Protein backbone atom coordinates (compact mmCIF):
# COMPACT_ATOMS: atom_id res chain seq x y z
CA UNK A 1 0.00 0.00 0.00
CA UNK A 2 1.35 3.40 -0.97
CA UNK A 3 2.26 5.84 1.79
CA UNK A 4 0.28 9.07 1.98
CA UNK A 5 1.48 12.52 2.86
CA UNK A 6 0.44 13.43 6.41
CA UNK A 7 -2.48 15.81 6.51
CA UNK A 8 -0.88 17.64 9.44
CA UNK A 9 2.24 17.69 11.53
CA UNK A 10 0.54 15.58 14.20
CA UNK A 11 3.42 13.09 14.32
CA UNK A 12 5.71 15.83 15.61
CA UNK A 13 8.44 15.18 13.03
CA UNK A 14 9.30 18.85 12.45
CA UNK A 15 9.56 20.00 16.10
CA UNK A 16 11.46 16.84 17.07
CA UNK A 17 13.90 17.37 14.20
CA UNK A 18 14.28 21.01 15.24
CA UNK A 19 15.11 19.87 18.80
CA UNK A 20 17.76 17.46 17.46
CA UNK A 21 19.36 20.26 15.44
CA UNK A 22 19.20 22.49 18.52
CA UNK A 23 20.93 19.87 20.69
CA UNK A 24 23.64 19.23 18.12
CA UNK A 25 24.34 22.93 17.64
CA UNK A 26 24.33 23.74 21.33
CA UNK A 27 27.29 21.37 21.47
CA UNK A 28 28.87 22.96 18.41
CA UNK A 29 28.30 26.43 19.85
CA UNK A 30 30.33 25.51 22.91
CA UNK A 31 32.90 23.26 21.24
CA UNK A 32 33.89 25.23 18.17
CA UNK A 33 34.94 28.53 19.78
CA UNK A 34 35.98 27.22 23.19
CA UNK A 35 37.51 23.76 22.68
CA UNK A 36 40.79 25.42 21.61
CA UNK A 37 40.73 27.36 24.90
CA UNK A 38 40.33 24.10 26.82
CA UNK A 39 43.15 22.50 24.83
CA UNK A 40 45.40 25.45 25.61
CA UNK A 41 44.52 25.09 29.30
CA UNK A 42 45.82 21.52 29.05
CA UNK A 43 49.21 22.79 27.89
CA UNK A 44 48.93 22.20 24.12
CA UNK A 45 50.70 24.61 21.75
CA UNK A 46 49.13 25.94 18.48
CA UNK A 47 50.55 23.11 16.36
CA UNK A 48 49.22 20.46 18.76
CA UNK A 49 45.83 22.22 18.93
CA UNK A 50 45.66 22.15 15.13
CA UNK A 51 46.36 18.39 15.11
CA UNK A 52 43.69 17.68 17.74
CA UNK A 53 41.13 19.79 15.86
CA UNK A 54 42.01 17.97 12.63
CA UNK A 55 41.55 14.50 14.20
CA UNK A 56 37.73 14.40 13.89
CA UNK A 57 38.00 15.27 10.20
CA UNK A 58 40.44 12.41 9.67
CA UNK A 59 38.22 9.96 11.57
CA UNK A 60 35.23 11.12 9.53
CA UNK A 61 36.93 9.87 6.37
CA UNK A 62 36.30 6.31 7.58
CA UNK A 63 33.41 6.62 10.04
CA UNK A 64 30.96 8.62 7.94
CA UNK A 65 31.00 6.53 4.72
CA UNK A 66 30.52 3.35 6.77
CA UNK A 67 27.69 4.83 8.84
CA UNK A 68 25.95 6.37 5.82
CA UNK A 69 26.00 3.09 3.90
CA UNK A 70 24.59 1.26 6.91
CA UNK A 71 21.92 3.97 7.12
CA UNK A 72 20.83 3.50 3.50
CA UNK A 73 20.27 -0.21 4.20
CA UNK A 74 17.95 0.63 7.10
CA UNK A 75 14.29 1.56 6.78
CA UNK A 76 14.68 4.41 9.25
CA UNK A 77 17.56 6.55 10.49
CA UNK A 78 16.14 7.51 13.89
CA UNK A 79 17.54 4.50 15.78
CA UNK A 80 21.01 4.93 14.32
CA UNK A 81 21.02 8.62 15.26
CA UNK A 82 20.01 7.78 18.84
CA UNK A 83 22.78 5.18 19.21
CA UNK A 84 25.45 7.51 17.79
CA UNK A 85 24.31 10.36 20.04
CA UNK A 86 24.49 8.28 23.23
CA UNK A 87 27.95 6.99 22.30
CA UNK A 88 29.08 10.60 21.70
CA UNK A 89 28.24 11.54 25.30
CA UNK A 90 30.40 8.72 26.63
CA UNK A 91 33.22 9.57 24.22
CA UNK A 92 33.51 13.21 25.25
CA UNK A 93 33.29 12.29 28.95
CA UNK A 94 36.47 10.24 28.40
CA UNK A 95 38.09 13.21 26.62
CA UNK A 96 37.43 15.34 29.69
CA UNK A 97 39.30 12.87 31.89
CA UNK A 98 42.40 12.70 29.68
CA UNK A 99 45.63 14.63 30.20
CA UNK A 100 48.50 15.20 27.79
CA UNK A 101 48.61 15.69 24.02
CA UNK A 102 48.73 12.01 23.06
CA UNK A 103 45.93 10.90 25.37
CA UNK A 104 43.67 13.80 24.35
CA UNK A 105 44.37 13.16 20.65
CA UNK A 106 43.54 9.45 21.01
CA UNK A 107 40.39 10.11 23.03
CA UNK A 108 39.02 12.71 20.63
CA UNK A 109 39.66 10.34 17.71
CA UNK A 110 37.65 7.57 19.40
CA UNK A 111 34.83 9.92 20.41
CA UNK A 112 34.66 11.18 16.83
CA UNK A 113 33.80 7.70 15.53
CA UNK A 114 30.37 8.16 17.10
CA UNK A 115 29.96 11.92 16.76
CA UNK A 116 31.08 12.68 13.21
CA UNK A 117 28.26 10.71 11.48
CA UNK A 118 25.56 12.55 13.46
CA UNK A 119 25.62 15.71 11.30
CA UNK A 120 25.34 14.09 7.84
CA UNK A 121 22.87 11.46 9.06
CA UNK A 122 20.69 14.18 10.57
CA UNK A 123 20.74 16.07 7.27
CA UNK A 124 19.83 12.88 5.37
CA UNK A 125 17.00 12.19 7.84
CA UNK A 126 15.84 15.80 7.42
CA UNK A 127 15.92 15.76 3.61
CA UNK A 128 13.91 12.53 3.59
CA UNK A 129 11.27 13.59 6.10
CA UNK A 130 10.96 17.24 5.08
CA UNK A 131 10.82 16.35 1.39
CA UNK A 132 7.97 13.92 2.02
CA UNK A 133 6.14 16.55 4.07
CA UNK A 134 6.95 19.29 1.54
CA UNK A 135 8.66 21.46 4.15
CA UNK A 136 11.67 23.75 3.64
CA UNK A 137 15.00 22.50 4.98
CA UNK A 138 16.34 25.94 5.89
CA UNK A 139 13.36 26.99 8.01
CA UNK A 140 13.89 23.95 10.27
CA UNK A 141 17.69 23.99 10.21
CA UNK A 142 17.68 27.60 11.45
CA UNK A 143 16.70 26.32 14.93
CA UNK A 144 20.10 24.68 15.08
CA UNK A 145 21.74 27.97 14.23
CA UNK A 146 19.64 29.79 16.84
CA UNK A 147 20.77 27.25 19.45
CA UNK A 148 24.36 27.83 18.35
CA UNK A 149 23.94 31.55 19.08
CA UNK A 150 22.57 30.85 22.55
CA UNK A 151 25.41 28.43 23.25
CA UNK A 152 28.01 30.97 22.08
CA UNK A 153 26.64 33.61 24.42
CA UNK A 154 26.22 31.21 27.31
CA UNK A 155 29.68 29.68 26.96
CA UNK A 156 31.24 33.13 26.55
CA UNK A 157 29.70 34.24 29.82
CA UNK A 158 30.67 30.95 31.44
CA UNK A 159 34.29 31.51 30.44
CA UNK A 160 34.28 34.72 32.47
CA UNK A 161 33.33 32.90 35.70
CA UNK A 162 34.90 29.42 35.53
CA UNK A 163 38.32 28.05 34.73
CA UNK A 164 38.86 27.08 31.05
CA UNK A 165 39.79 23.56 32.19
CA UNK A 166 36.12 22.95 33.11
CA UNK A 167 34.67 23.91 29.70
CA UNK A 168 34.81 20.32 28.44
CA UNK A 169 32.02 19.37 30.87
CA UNK A 170 29.72 21.93 29.27
CA UNK A 171 30.37 20.08 25.99
CA UNK A 172 29.48 16.74 27.60
CA UNK A 173 26.26 18.20 29.01
CA UNK A 174 25.26 19.61 25.62
CA UNK A 175 25.80 16.21 24.01
CA UNK A 176 23.45 14.81 26.65
CA UNK A 177 20.77 17.21 25.43
CA UNK A 178 21.37 16.05 21.86
CA UNK A 179 21.05 12.39 22.88
CA UNK A 180 17.78 13.14 24.67
CA UNK A 181 16.39 14.75 21.52
CA UNK A 182 17.57 11.83 19.34
CA UNK A 183 15.69 9.37 21.54
CA UNK A 184 12.44 11.25 20.76
CA UNK A 185 12.70 11.04 16.95
CA UNK A 186 9.86 9.56 14.89
CA UNK A 187 10.11 7.77 11.52
CA UNK A 188 10.90 10.13 8.66
CA UNK A 189 8.35 8.47 6.38
CA UNK A 190 8.31 8.42 2.61
CA UNK A 191 9.57 5.70 0.31
CA UNK A 192 13.33 6.12 -0.03
CA UNK A 193 13.66 3.38 -2.63
CA UNK A 194 11.37 4.55 -5.43
CA UNK A 195 12.89 7.89 -6.45
CA UNK A 196 15.64 8.37 -8.99
CA UNK A 197 18.24 11.11 -9.11
CA UNK A 198 17.96 13.76 -11.79
CA UNK A 199 21.63 13.45 -12.62
CA UNK A 200 21.00 9.84 -13.69
CA UNK A 201 18.50 11.13 -16.25
CA UNK A 202 20.34 14.19 -17.57
CA UNK A 203 23.92 14.07 -18.91
CA UNK A 204 26.55 16.01 -16.99
CA UNK A 205 24.69 16.26 -13.67
CA UNK A 206 27.06 13.80 -11.97
CA UNK A 207 30.04 15.97 -12.88
CA UNK A 208 28.21 19.08 -11.69
CA UNK A 209 27.44 17.40 -8.36
CA UNK A 210 31.11 16.67 -7.70
CA UNK A 211 32.24 20.09 -8.92
CA UNK A 212 29.87 21.72 -6.43
CA UNK A 213 31.05 19.29 -3.75
CA UNK A 214 34.73 20.14 -4.33
CA UNK A 215 34.04 23.88 -4.45
CA UNK A 216 31.92 23.79 -1.29
CA UNK A 217 34.60 21.75 0.49
CA UNK A 218 37.23 24.39 -0.26
CA UNK A 219 34.96 27.23 0.83
CA UNK A 220 33.94 25.55 4.09
CA UNK A 221 37.57 24.56 4.78
CA UNK A 222 38.54 28.21 4.41
CA UNK A 223 36.93 28.68 7.85
CA UNK A 224 39.76 26.64 9.46
CA UNK A 225 41.72 29.57 10.90
CA UNK A 226 38.48 31.18 12.12
CA UNK A 227 37.22 27.99 13.77
CA UNK A 228 40.53 27.07 15.32
CA UNK A 229 42.16 30.35 16.27
CA UNK A 230 39.84 33.38 16.11
CA UNK A 231 38.97 33.02 19.80
CA UNK A 232 42.64 32.89 20.77
CA UNK A 233 43.42 35.84 18.49
CA UNK A 234 40.60 38.00 19.85
CA UNK A 235 41.45 37.11 23.44
CA UNK A 236 45.07 38.12 22.78
CA UNK A 237 43.76 41.48 21.50
CA UNK A 238 42.03 42.05 24.84
CA UNK A 239 38.44 40.93 24.16
CA UNK A 240 36.71 39.10 27.02
CA UNK A 241 34.69 35.91 26.75
CA UNK A 242 31.32 37.66 26.52
CA UNK A 243 32.38 39.87 23.61
CA UNK A 244 33.93 36.89 21.82
CA UNK A 245 30.67 34.99 22.27
CA UNK A 246 28.73 37.94 20.83
CA UNK A 247 31.03 38.06 17.80
CA UNK A 248 30.50 34.37 17.10
CA UNK A 249 26.77 34.84 17.61
CA UNK A 250 26.59 37.71 15.10
CA UNK A 251 27.90 35.44 12.37
CA UNK A 252 25.23 32.87 13.08
CA UNK A 253 22.49 35.52 13.24
CA UNK A 254 23.31 36.32 9.61
CA UNK A 255 23.15 32.60 8.84
CA UNK A 256 19.72 32.34 10.53
CA UNK A 257 18.40 35.27 8.49
CA UNK A 258 19.43 33.53 5.27
CA UNK A 259 17.90 30.22 6.36
CA UNK A 260 14.65 31.98 7.31
CA UNK A 261 14.12 33.17 3.74
CA UNK A 262 15.55 30.03 2.13
CA UNK A 263 12.10 28.67 1.31
CA UNK A 264 11.70 31.51 -1.17
CA UNK A 265 15.31 31.44 -2.38
CA UNK A 266 15.93 27.74 -2.97
CA UNK A 267 14.51 26.79 -6.33
CA UNK A 268 14.87 30.31 -7.69
CA UNK A 269 18.60 30.34 -7.04
CA UNK A 270 20.36 27.14 -8.05
CA UNK A 271 23.05 25.36 -6.03
CA UNK A 272 25.88 26.75 -8.17
CA UNK A 273 24.76 30.35 -7.58
CA UNK A 274 24.40 29.77 -3.83
CA UNK A 275 27.87 28.24 -3.56
CA UNK A 276 29.24 31.07 -5.70
CA UNK A 277 27.74 33.60 -3.27
CA UNK A 278 29.38 31.68 -0.45
CA UNK A 279 32.77 31.91 -2.15
CA UNK A 280 32.40 35.66 -2.65
CA UNK A 281 31.56 36.23 0.99
CA UNK A 282 34.45 34.04 2.16
CA UNK A 283 37.06 35.78 -0.01
CA UNK A 284 35.98 39.22 1.23
CA UNK A 285 35.82 38.08 4.84
CA UNK A 286 39.20 36.33 5.08
CA UNK A 287 41.07 38.92 3.03
CA UNK A 288 39.93 41.57 5.51
CA UNK A 289 40.64 39.39 8.57
CA UNK A 290 44.15 38.77 7.30
CA UNK A 291 44.88 42.49 7.68
CA UNK A 292 43.98 42.33 11.42
CA UNK A 293 41.31 45.01 11.03
CA UNK A 294 40.24 47.38 13.83
CA UNK A 295 38.02 45.73 16.45
CA UNK A 296 35.05 47.96 15.51
CA UNK A 297 34.96 46.34 12.03
CA UNK A 298 34.66 42.78 13.37
CA UNK A 299 30.83 42.79 13.74
CA UNK A 300 30.41 43.69 10.08
CA UNK A 301 32.89 41.04 8.97
CA UNK A 302 31.11 38.46 11.12
CA UNK A 303 27.86 39.12 9.25
CA UNK A 304 29.55 37.76 6.12
CA UNK A 305 29.20 34.34 7.76
CA UNK A 306 25.69 34.31 6.31
CA UNK A 307 27.32 33.97 2.90
CA UNK A 308 30.63 32.22 3.59
CA UNK A 309 28.95 29.41 5.54
CA UNK A 310 25.18 29.84 5.13
CA UNK A 311 24.89 30.21 1.35
CA UNK A 312 27.51 27.49 0.81
CA UNK A 313 25.64 25.08 3.09
CA UNK A 314 22.26 25.74 1.47
CA UNK A 315 23.83 25.21 -1.95
CA UNK A 316 25.27 21.84 -0.97
CA UNK A 317 21.99 20.69 0.59
CA UNK A 318 20.10 21.69 -2.55
CA UNK A 319 22.71 19.84 -4.59
CA UNK A 320 22.10 16.60 -2.64
CA UNK A 321 18.32 17.05 -2.72
CA UNK A 322 18.23 17.57 -6.48
CA UNK A 323 20.93 15.20 -7.70
CA UNK A 324 20.95 12.22 -5.28
CA UNK A 325 18.41 9.37 -5.30
CA UNK A 326 16.07 9.44 -2.30
CA UNK A 327 17.22 5.93 -1.33
CA UNK A 328 20.87 6.93 -1.50
CA UNK A 329 20.84 10.34 0.17
CA UNK A 330 22.55 9.13 3.33
CA UNK A 331 25.37 7.77 1.16
CA UNK A 332 25.51 10.99 -0.86
CA UNK A 333 25.60 13.04 2.35
CA UNK A 334 28.26 10.72 3.72
CA UNK A 335 30.45 11.02 0.63
CA UNK A 336 30.06 14.79 0.60
CA UNK A 337 30.86 14.97 4.31
CA UNK A 338 33.92 12.76 3.79
CA UNK A 339 35.25 14.98 1.03
CA UNK A 340 34.70 18.04 3.22
CA UNK A 341 36.44 16.29 6.10
CA UNK A 342 39.53 15.52 4.01
CA UNK A 343 39.84 19.10 2.83
CA UNK A 344 39.06 20.51 6.29
CA UNK A 345 41.58 18.20 7.97
CA UNK A 346 44.32 19.46 5.66
CA UNK A 347 43.20 23.06 6.17
CA UNK A 348 42.99 22.72 9.97
CA UNK A 349 46.46 21.18 10.21
CA UNK A 350 47.81 23.90 7.93
CA UNK A 351 45.98 26.54 9.99
CA UNK A 352 47.86 25.57 13.13
CA UNK A 353 51.22 25.92 11.38
CA UNK A 354 50.30 29.18 9.64
CA UNK A 355 48.76 30.80 12.70
CA UNK A 356 51.73 29.81 14.82
CA UNK A 357 54.08 31.46 12.29
CA UNK A 358 52.08 34.39 10.91
CA UNK A 359 49.20 35.09 13.30
CA UNK A 360 46.29 36.79 11.51
CA UNK A 361 48.21 36.59 8.23
CA UNK A 362 47.08 32.95 8.07
CA UNK A 363 43.67 34.20 6.88
CA UNK A 364 45.30 35.07 3.54
CA UNK A 365 45.67 31.37 2.74
CA UNK A 366 42.00 30.87 3.63
CA UNK A 367 40.96 33.61 1.20
CA UNK A 368 42.97 31.87 -1.54
CA UNK A 369 41.24 28.55 -0.86
CA UNK A 370 37.80 30.17 -1.09
CA UNK A 371 38.80 31.90 -4.32
CA UNK A 372 39.79 28.56 -5.85
CA UNK A 373 36.44 27.10 -4.77
CA UNK A 374 34.56 30.00 -6.34
CA UNK A 375 36.51 29.58 -9.58
CA UNK A 376 35.64 25.87 -9.72
CA UNK A 377 31.91 26.43 -9.25
CA UNK A 378 31.92 29.28 -11.78
CA UNK A 379 33.63 27.06 -14.36
CA UNK A 380 31.27 24.16 -13.63
CA UNK A 381 28.22 26.38 -14.03
CA UNK A 382 29.51 27.68 -17.36
CA UNK A 383 30.22 24.16 -18.66
CA UNK A 384 26.80 22.90 -17.51
CA UNK A 385 25.07 25.62 -19.52
CA UNK A 386 27.10 24.78 -22.58
């Protein structure tokens, strides 16, 4: 018997998915800006911090393709997401108990086996369920970004009142919230096996998919210096934890604004144009940051995050939605995430070396990477039209 589109949202899929995104991004909002501070409090130098931050990307190269292929053999993704979320809590609790560069590096690698598949599997679950319910991805995903803002502000204030060596326990607690949300998920619905990808029906779409994937990977990897060292750089310039949290939050506010209007944008603006906008924003942002601009300019530069990350992310999600078969979207998300992880791991390792040697000048290399990504997507778009 054929499945029917729900007449209402009575199954709670959308709010439960929004809560999962919120839980995941509360963790990210604490971990991304403040994990380097915790690592520094454990005695790690910039090069060692770069290696530890690169470890999850390296692990993802193996963990995510395996998990995504298992997911596409399952009827539903909810159970797999719950198991991975619970294991992530245990993994980061072990990280918090470790001391020394080698032990921390090993523990974060093991914890990442469980945690790194959560993001792409959640996106695959979302694309399946939201597509069946004819709901916009961006208008649900924005709740994750809003949670990220709250976590930035909360963790920034927390840093002003507690020792940096205790920040890891805020990360463990946030993963507990994510696991609780994952346990409440309902089946995504829809028939994942009956749809075919457009790129299988139209010549050249497979090449366009991978061109967009490579370009997006370079643009997202251009955030490596920002993710790994902006907090340290701003703290060295005299900014306190609250102001640093506000700066991170401003970037995500711009991202939220873009996601809020994405239902009207996606479809009118194709994935290549969205990724191209992302490249433009990234080049402008990192070129300016490389000059160590006055502090009063930082809020404006942070608003470019709406393009450098937000437009690039929406473009990649639209790419998967349009070009990947419904029954293979977890695999497509996994392969895309793996490619991004490889590029990000290289960029993060390089960021540690460059920041240690050149300080803010390291952003220049990030601007170059984003420029290369923009050139690739521009060339791919031109070739697709011809």
